[in-house]
Amino acid sequence: MAVQATIGTMTRSQTQRRRRIVQTAAALAVRGGVEAMQMRSVAERAGVALGTLYRYFPSKMDLVVAVVTEELDLLEGGIVRRPPTSEAAAGRAVDVLLRATRGLMREPELADALVRSLIMAEVEIELDVRITDLVWRVATGHLQIREADGEGTRAVDVDREGTDYVLVGSLTSVWIFELVEVLKGRRDIDEVERRLHVAAERLLASF
């Protein structure tokens, strides 16, 4: 069984190789969707052996998750550079979730694969945790960041045991459901925005 390389234990060259693989997979997905992200094709285009690819990413879904995680890193960087300006916590939270929705929907097939992985638990993934952490930090005014081994930013000072975090987590669950509805063609972004505002105003009323 392949053992996935852990970012924290990789050398600089390994980190660069991993990033090249992820960028190659993303480029293939842009042109042909998730189906185009065949492991052999990714390996060939990234200039690595197929066995090497599997050491970094034991399955195709692990690779999909890595591509979307990079999108989340970009989202978080954008939030830090241009934080939501609403005076209300609910408005700031919805701003983050809408930016995440638009980012994911640029590649709906990737978003669909990711949501399926959340529902079916095909791989260990922390999309909901990443989003919840970010929304909590924005909603509560704790938008501190730190660099993490050159792999983007990670949240700090997140109180995952607190009531506020639980409420934000409930809002994230609503968002994931709404994302599923968008992917199924049963919602448009305007309707999602309206519904998220209603949920956020109720759930975060005490913030």
Protein backbone atom coordinates (compact mmCIF):
# COMPACT_ATOMS: atom_id res chain seq x y z
CA MET A 1 0.00 0.00 0.00
CA ALA A 2 1.31 3.47 -0.89
CA VAL A 3 2.10 5.80 1.98
CA GLN A 4 1.18 9.40 1.32
CA ALA A 5 4.01 11.88 1.74
CA THR A 6 3.37 14.27 4.61
CA ILE A 7 3.93 17.94 3.84
CA GLY A 8 5.62 18.62 7.17
CA THR A 9 8.28 15.95 6.57
CA MET A 10 9.12 16.73 2.93
CA THR A 11 12.31 18.35 1.69
CA ARG A 12 12.18 21.49 -0.44
CA SER A 13 12.56 19.47 -3.66
CA GLN A 14 9.80 17.09 -2.59
CA THR A 15 7.54 20.03 -1.75
CA GLN A 16 8.22 21.54 -5.18
CA ARG A 17 7.53 18.19 -6.84
CA ARG A 18 4.25 17.83 -4.98
CA ARG A 19 3.20 21.33 -5.97
CA ARG A 20 4.05 20.60 -9.61
CA ILE A 21 1.90 17.47 -9.49
CA VAL A 22 -1.04 19.38 -8.02
CA GLN A 23 -0.73 22.17 -10.57
CA THR A 24 -0.56 19.63 -13.39
CA ALA A 25 -3.68 17.88 -12.11
CA ALA A 26 -5.51 21.19 -11.84
CA ALA A 27 -4.55 22.11 -15.41
CA LEU A 28 -5.86 18.77 -16.68
CA ALA A 29 -9.09 19.23 -14.74
CA VAL A 30 -9.62 22.69 -16.22
CA ARG A 31 -9.47 21.23 -19.72
CA GLY A 32 -11.30 17.97 -19.20
CA GLY A 33 -12.83 17.78 -15.73
CA VAL A 34 -12.08 15.16 -13.12
CA GLU A 35 -12.10 12.40 -15.74
CA ALA A 36 -9.03 13.99 -17.31
CA MET A 37 -7.13 13.67 -14.04
CA GLN A 38 -5.96 10.14 -14.77
CA MET A 39 -3.04 9.23 -12.55
CA ARG A 40 -0.84 8.11 -15.43
CA SER A 41 -1.56 11.30 -17.40
CA VAL A 42 -0.78 13.45 -14.37
CA ALA A 43 2.49 11.60 -13.77
CA GLU A 44 3.58 11.92 -17.40
CA ARG A 45 2.77 15.61 -17.65
CA ALA A 46 4.34 16.39 -14.26
CA GLY A 47 7.50 14.52 -15.23
CA VAL A 48 7.43 12.00 -12.39
CA ALA A 49 7.21 8.21 -12.27
CA LEU A 50 3.77 6.75 -11.64
CA GLY A 51 5.06 5.11 -8.44
CA THR A 52 6.31 8.49 -7.24
CA LEU A 53 2.90 10.02 -7.85
CA TYR A 54 1.25 7.30 -5.77
CA ARG A 55 3.67 7.97 -2.91
CA TYR A 56 2.40 11.53 -2.77
CA PHE A 57 -1.23 10.74 -3.56
CA PRO A 58 -2.37 7.14 -2.92
CA SER A 59 -5.62 7.66 -4.84
CA LYS A 60 -7.17 9.96 -7.38
CA MET A 61 -9.47 11.38 -4.71
CA ASP A 62 -6.45 12.36 -2.62
CA LEU A 63 -5.25 14.31 -5.65
CA VAL A 64 -8.66 15.95 -6.11
CA VAL A 65 -8.58 16.99 -2.46
CA ALA A 66 -5.10 18.48 -2.89
CA VAL A 67 -6.26 20.53 -5.88
CA VAL A 68 -9.26 21.90 -4.00
CA THR A 69 -7.15 22.50 -0.88
CA GLU A 70 -4.94 24.76 -2.98
CA GLU A 71 -8.10 26.64 -3.96
CA LEU A 72 -8.91 27.01 -0.26
CA ASP A 73 -5.42 28.36 0.39
CA LEU A 74 -6.03 30.98 -2.30
CA LEU A 75 -9.42 31.77 -0.75
CA GLU A 76 -7.88 32.26 2.67
CA GLY A 77 -5.12 34.44 1.26
CA GLY A 78 -7.73 36.56 -0.50
CA ILE A 79 -9.76 36.91 2.69
CA VAL A 80 -6.67 38.06 4.58
CA ARG A 81 -5.77 40.60 1.90
CA ARG A 82 -9.34 41.81 1.48
CA PRO A 83 -11.39 40.97 4.58
CA PRO A 84 -15.19 41.21 4.51
CA THR A 85 -16.32 44.68 5.49
CA SER A 86 -19.81 44.03 6.88
CA GLU A 87 -20.32 45.30 10.42
CA ALA A 88 -22.41 42.23 11.24
CA ALA A 89 -20.80 38.86 11.94
CA ALA A 90 -23.47 37.16 9.82
CA GLY A 91 -22.66 39.35 6.82
CA ARG A 92 -18.94 38.66 7.14
CA ALA A 93 -19.57 34.91 7.43
CA VAL A 94 -21.76 34.84 4.34
CA ASP A 95 -19.15 36.82 2.39
CA VAL A 96 -16.58 34.08 3.11
CA LEU A 97 -18.96 31.27 2.15
CA LEU A 98 -19.99 32.96 -1.09
CA ARG A 99 -16.35 33.48 -2.07
CA ALA A 100 -15.76 29.79 -1.36
CA THR A 101 -18.79 28.82 -3.45
CA ARG A 102 -17.69 30.89 -6.42
CA GLY A 103 -14.14 29.57 -6.18
CA LEU A 104 -15.26 25.94 -6.11
CA MET A 105 -17.83 26.43 -8.85
CA ARG A 106 -15.16 27.61 -11.26
CA GLU A 107 -14.45 23.87 -11.54
CA PRO A 108 -17.83 22.23 -10.78
CA GLU A 109 -16.61 18.71 -11.51
CA LEU A 110 -13.89 19.08 -8.91
CA ALA A 111 -16.41 20.53 -6.47
CA ASP A 112 -18.76 17.61 -7.14
CA ALA A 113 -15.99 15.08 -6.51
CA LEU A 114 -15.04 16.86 -3.31
CA VAL A 115 -18.59 16.97 -1.98
CA ARG A 116 -19.00 13.28 -2.76
CA SER A 117 -15.84 12.58 -0.80
CA LEU A 118 -17.32 14.44 2.17
CA ILE A 119 -20.57 12.53 2.02
CA MET A 120 -19.10 9.10 1.29
CA ALA A 121 -15.97 9.55 3.45
CA GLU A 122 -13.81 8.26 0.59
CA VAL A 123 -10.77 10.01 2.02
CA GLU A 124 -9.93 11.85 5.21
CA ILE A 125 -10.67 15.47 4.39
CA GLU A 126 -11.07 18.62 6.44
CA LEU A 127 -12.88 20.92 4.02
CA ASP A 128 -15.58 21.61 6.58
CA VAL A 129 -12.98 22.24 9.30
CA ARG A 130 -10.94 24.57 7.07
CA ILE A 131 -14.03 26.57 6.11
CA THR A 132 -15.45 26.60 9.64
CA ASP A 133 -12.12 27.80 11.08
CA LEU A 134 -11.93 30.59 8.54
CA VAL A 135 -15.56 31.69 8.98
CA TRP A 136 -15.18 31.60 12.78
CA ARG A 137 -12.06 33.76 12.63
CA VAL A 138 -13.70 36.28 10.31
CA ALA A 139 -17.00 36.37 12.21
CA THR A 140 -15.32 36.82 15.60
CA GLY A 141 -12.63 39.22 14.44
CA HIS A 142 -9.74 36.77 14.94
CA LEU A 143 -8.21 36.87 11.49
CA GLN A 144 -4.66 36.02 12.61
CA ILE A 145 -2.54 33.90 10.30
CA ARG A 146 0.90 32.34 10.24
CA GLU A 147 2.96 30.73 7.52
CA ALA A 148 3.05 26.93 7.58
CA ASP A 149 6.13 25.42 5.92
CA GLY A 150 5.63 27.44 2.78
CA GLU A 151 2.33 25.71 2.06
CA GLY A 152 -0.01 28.64 2.51
CA THR A 153 -1.66 29.86 5.70
CA ARG A 154 -3.26 28.06 8.58
CA ALA A 155 -5.63 29.25 11.28
CA VAL A 156 -4.46 29.94 14.82
CA ASP A 157 -6.29 30.65 18.08
CA VAL A 158 -9.40 28.70 17.03
CA ASP A 159 -11.58 27.60 19.96
CA ARG A 160 -13.27 24.51 18.53
CA GLU A 161 -14.94 23.68 21.84
CA GLY A 162 -16.78 26.97 22.19
CA THR A 163 -20.46 27.58 21.50
CA ASP A 164 -19.64 30.17 18.84
CA TYR A 165 -17.59 27.62 16.91
CA VAL A 166 -20.41 25.06 17.09
CA LEU A 167 -22.83 27.63 15.68
CA VAL A 168 -20.44 28.49 12.85
CA GLY A 169 -20.05 24.76 12.20
CA SER A 170 -23.81 24.49 11.80
CA LEU A 171 -23.69 27.32 9.27
CA THR A 172 -20.93 25.49 7.38
CA SER A 173 -23.15 22.40 7.26
CA VAL A 174 -25.91 24.51 5.72
CA TRP A 175 -23.41 25.82 3.18
CA ILE A 176 -22.30 22.30 2.18
CA PHE A 177 -25.94 21.32 1.62
CA GLU A 178 -26.50 24.44 -0.48
CA LEU A 179 -23.37 23.64 -2.49
CA VAL A 180 -24.83 20.20 -3.24
CA GLU A 181 -28.04 21.87 -4.45
CA VAL A 182 -26.03 24.16 -6.75
CA LEU A 183 -24.16 21.17 -8.18
CA LYS A 184 -27.48 19.42 -8.82
CA GLY A 185 -28.78 22.49 -10.65
CA ARG A 186 -31.50 23.16 -8.10
CA ARG A 187 -30.09 26.45 -6.80
CA ASP A 188 -28.38 29.44 -8.32
CA ILE A 189 -25.87 31.59 -6.47
CA ASP A 190 -28.40 34.33 -5.75
CA GLU A 191 -30.72 31.85 -4.04
CA VAL A 192 -27.82 30.37 -2.08
CA GLU A 193 -26.84 33.86 -0.93
CA ARG A 194 -30.37 34.56 0.28
CA ARG A 195 -30.62 31.28 2.16
CA LEU A 196 -27.18 31.64 3.72
CA HIS A 197 -28.07 35.12 4.96
CA VAL A 198 -31.22 33.77 6.62
CA ALA A 199 -29.30 30.93 8.29
CA ALA A 200 -26.38 33.15 9.34
CA GLU A 201 -28.63 35.82 10.84
CA ARG A 202 -30.33 33.19 12.99
CA LEU A 203 -27.28 31.15 13.96
CA LEU A 204 -24.93 34.06 14.59
CA ALA A 205 -27.41 36.43 16.18
CA SER A 206 -25.51 36.36 19.48
CA PHE A 207 -22.13 37.28 17.97
